[in-house]
Every structure is written in C-alpha cells, then in structure tokens.
Amino acid sequence: MREESGTPRPRLAESLHGIVDAGLETVQTRLELLAVELQEEKLRLSGLALNTVLAGLLLGFGLVFLMVFLTVLLWDEHRLLALGISTAVCLVGGLLAASKAAHAFRSGTRLFSASLAELARDRAALRKPD
C-alpha cells in the first residue's frame, strides 16, 4: 500500500517542477522582452534628442542670419519693418514649437506595449480551459 501512495508523489513533484519551470521560463522571456524594449526606447530617445537639438541649433542660426541679412538689405528704407517682421517670425515660431512640445509631452509614449500585450496573451491562455 505504501508503494501505491509513493508512486504518484514523484509524478506530482515532477509535474509541479515542470509547471514551475515553464512559468519561470515565461517570466524570463517576458523580462528579456522588457529589457529589449527599454533599450530600443533609450536609443530612440537619444536619437530624437540629438536630432532635435541639432535641428534647433541649425534652424536658429539660419533664422538669425536671415534676419541680419534682411535688416542690412532694408537698412536704408525699412529697417524698423524688417526688425519687427523678424521679431514676429521668431515669436510665432517659438510659440508653435512650444505648443508642439507640450502636445508631445502630454501624449506620452507606448513604452512596454509589446510586453503588456504578451502578458495579456499569457493571462488569456491561462484562463482558457484545455
């Protein structure tokens, strides 16, 4: 009688070990996916920051040189008009850039969206009766 009750226990332990191993493997895979997504987001943000700073710097220099050029060109007849238009263009451009930046900040990012989708799929698979 002892052998009969002793036989299922190793099978139960093996089954539990297999379930725990599969669960840990799934968790490890999901954590690796999170790490990859975090690395991708970091690279995307660093590229975005570099391009944004470079574009802002070059456009700013270009705008300043354009304003100086127009002011020197129109110095004899309309220097105040040239300075006023240059100032208005800079202010409007700055307000538009600030508005876009505020909108981008409010909209956020879809960081970890693939990981969250995989976790939702895992939960749905666990709920399904086989």
Protein backbone atom coordinates (compact mmCIF):
# COMPACT_ATOMS: atom_id res chain seq x y z
CA MET A 1 0.00 0.00 0.00
CA ARG A 2 2.90 2.28 0.67
CA GLU A 3 4.19 1.80 -2.89
CA GLU A 4 0.88 2.84 -4.38
CA SER A 5 0.80 6.07 -2.41
CA GLY A 6 4.54 6.62 -3.02
CA THR A 7 4.27 6.28 -6.81
CA PRO A 8 2.08 9.35 -7.53
CA ARG A 9 4.17 11.66 -5.37
CA PRO A 10 7.24 11.69 -7.63
CA ARG A 11 4.97 12.21 -10.63
CA LEU A 12 3.23 15.05 -8.84
CA ALA A 13 6.57 16.57 -7.88
CA GLU A 14 7.80 16.21 -11.47
CA SER A 15 4.62 17.81 -12.76
CA LEU A 16 4.88 20.70 -10.32
CA HIS A 17 8.56 21.08 -11.19
CA GLY A 18 7.66 21.22 -14.89
CA ILE A 19 4.92 23.79 -14.29
CA VAL A 20 7.20 25.97 -12.17
CA ASP A 21 9.98 25.64 -14.74
CA ALA A 22 7.63 26.64 -17.58
CA GLY A 23 6.35 29.58 -15.55
CA LEU A 24 9.85 30.76 -14.75
CA GLU A 25 10.84 30.39 -18.39
CA THR A 26 7.87 32.52 -19.42
CA VAL A 27 8.74 35.17 -16.85
CA GLN A 28 12.35 35.17 -18.04
CA THR A 29 11.25 35.60 -21.65
CA ARG A 30 8.96 38.49 -20.72
CA LEU A 31 11.71 40.19 -18.72
CA GLU A 32 14.09 39.84 -21.67
CA LEU A 33 11.42 41.42 -23.90
CA LEU A 34 11.06 44.29 -21.42
CA ALA A 35 14.84 44.82 -21.45
CA VAL A 36 14.91 44.89 -25.25
CA GLU A 37 12.03 47.37 -25.38
CA LEU A 38 13.73 49.57 -22.80
CA GLN A 39 16.95 49.55 -24.82
CA GLU A 40 15.05 50.40 -28.02
CA GLU A 41 13.26 53.26 -26.28
CA LYS A 42 16.55 54.57 -24.91
CA LEU A 43 18.11 54.55 -28.38
CA ARG A 44 15.04 56.19 -29.89
CA LEU A 45 15.01 58.95 -27.28
CA SER A 46 18.73 59.65 -27.57
CA GLY A 47 18.44 59.89 -31.37
CA LEU A 48 15.39 62.10 -31.02
CA ALA A 49 17.18 64.38 -28.57
CA LEU A 50 20.27 64.64 -30.76
CA ASN A 51 18.28 65.42 -33.90
CA THR A 52 16.07 67.90 -32.06
CA VAL A 53 19.00 69.82 -30.60
CA LEU A 54 20.86 69.80 -33.91
CA ALA A 55 17.80 70.94 -35.87
CA GLY A 56 17.02 73.68 -33.36
CA LEU A 57 20.59 74.92 -33.37
CA LEU A 58 20.95 74.98 -37.14
CA LEU A 59 17.50 76.49 -37.72
CA GLY A 60 18.19 79.11 -35.06
CA PHE A 61 21.47 80.13 -36.69
CA GLY A 62 19.78 80.18 -40.10
CA LEU A 63 16.98 82.38 -38.82
CA VAL A 64 19.38 84.79 -37.15
CA PHE A 65 21.45 85.11 -40.32
CA LEU A 66 18.30 85.62 -42.39
CA MET A 67 17.13 88.38 -40.05
CA VAL A 68 20.52 90.08 -40.17
CA PHE A 69 20.58 89.77 -43.97
CA LEU A 70 17.11 91.28 -44.37
CA THR A 71 17.84 94.04 -41.88
CA VAL A 72 21.07 95.00 -43.68
CA LEU A 73 19.31 94.74 -47.06
CA LEU A 74 16.46 97.03 -45.96
CA TRP A 75 18.53 99.28 -43.66
CA ASP A 76 18.10 102.48 -45.65
CA GLU A 77 14.32 102.38 -46.20
CA HIS A 78 12.58 99.95 -43.83
CA ARG A 79 14.91 98.86 -41.04
CA LEU A 80 12.20 99.00 -38.34
CA LEU A 81 9.81 96.99 -40.51
CA ALA A 82 12.50 94.35 -41.12
CA LEU A 83 13.28 94.12 -37.39
CA GLY A 84 9.57 93.97 -36.50
CA ILE A 85 8.84 91.19 -39.01
CA SER A 86 11.91 89.26 -37.85
CA THR A 87 10.79 89.54 -34.24
CA ALA A 88 7.24 88.43 -35.10
CA VAL A 89 8.52 85.42 -37.06
CA CYS A 90 10.73 84.36 -34.14
CA LEU A 91 7.93 84.73 -31.59
CA VAL A 92 5.38 82.83 -33.71
CA GLY A 93 7.89 80.07 -34.42
CA GLY A 94 8.75 79.79 -30.74
CA LEU A 95 5.09 79.58 -29.74
CA LEU A 96 4.41 76.88 -32.35
CA ALA A 97 7.42 74.87 -31.19
CA ALA A 98 6.35 75.19 -27.55
CA SER A 99 2.82 74.07 -28.45
CA LYS A 100 4.11 71.00 -30.31
CA ALA A 101 6.47 70.14 -27.45
CA ALA A 102 3.62 70.39 -24.91
CA HIS A 103 1.42 68.18 -27.08
CA ALA A 104 4.20 65.57 -27.46
CA PHE A 105 4.79 65.62 -23.70
CA ARG A 106 1.09 65.09 -22.94
CA SER A 107 0.66 62.28 -25.47
CA GLY A 108 3.45 60.21 -23.90
CA THR A 109 4.90 57.03 -25.34
CA ARG A 110 3.82 53.44 -25.81
CA LEU A 111 6.71 52.07 -23.76
CA PHE A 112 6.40 48.34 -23.00
CA SER A 113 3.34 47.95 -25.22
CA ALA A 114 4.62 44.65 -26.69
CA SER A 115 5.38 43.29 -23.22
CA LEU A 116 1.97 44.27 -21.92
CA ALA A 117 0.32 42.61 -24.92
CA GLU A 118 2.32 39.42 -24.34
CA LEU A 119 1.38 39.38 -20.66
CA ALA A 120 -2.29 39.85 -21.55
CA ARG A 121 -1.99 36.97 -24.04
CA ASP A 122 -0.39 34.81 -21.32
CA ARG A 123 -3.21 35.58 -18.90
CA ALA A 124 -5.82 34.76 -21.54
CA ALA A 125 -4.06 31.47 -22.30
CA LEU A 126 -4.05 30.56 -18.61
CA ARG A 127 -7.78 31.24 -18.33
CA LYS A 128 -8.71 29.02 -21.29
CA PRO A 129 -9.83 25.54 -20.34
CA ASP A 130 -7.92 22.92 -22.35
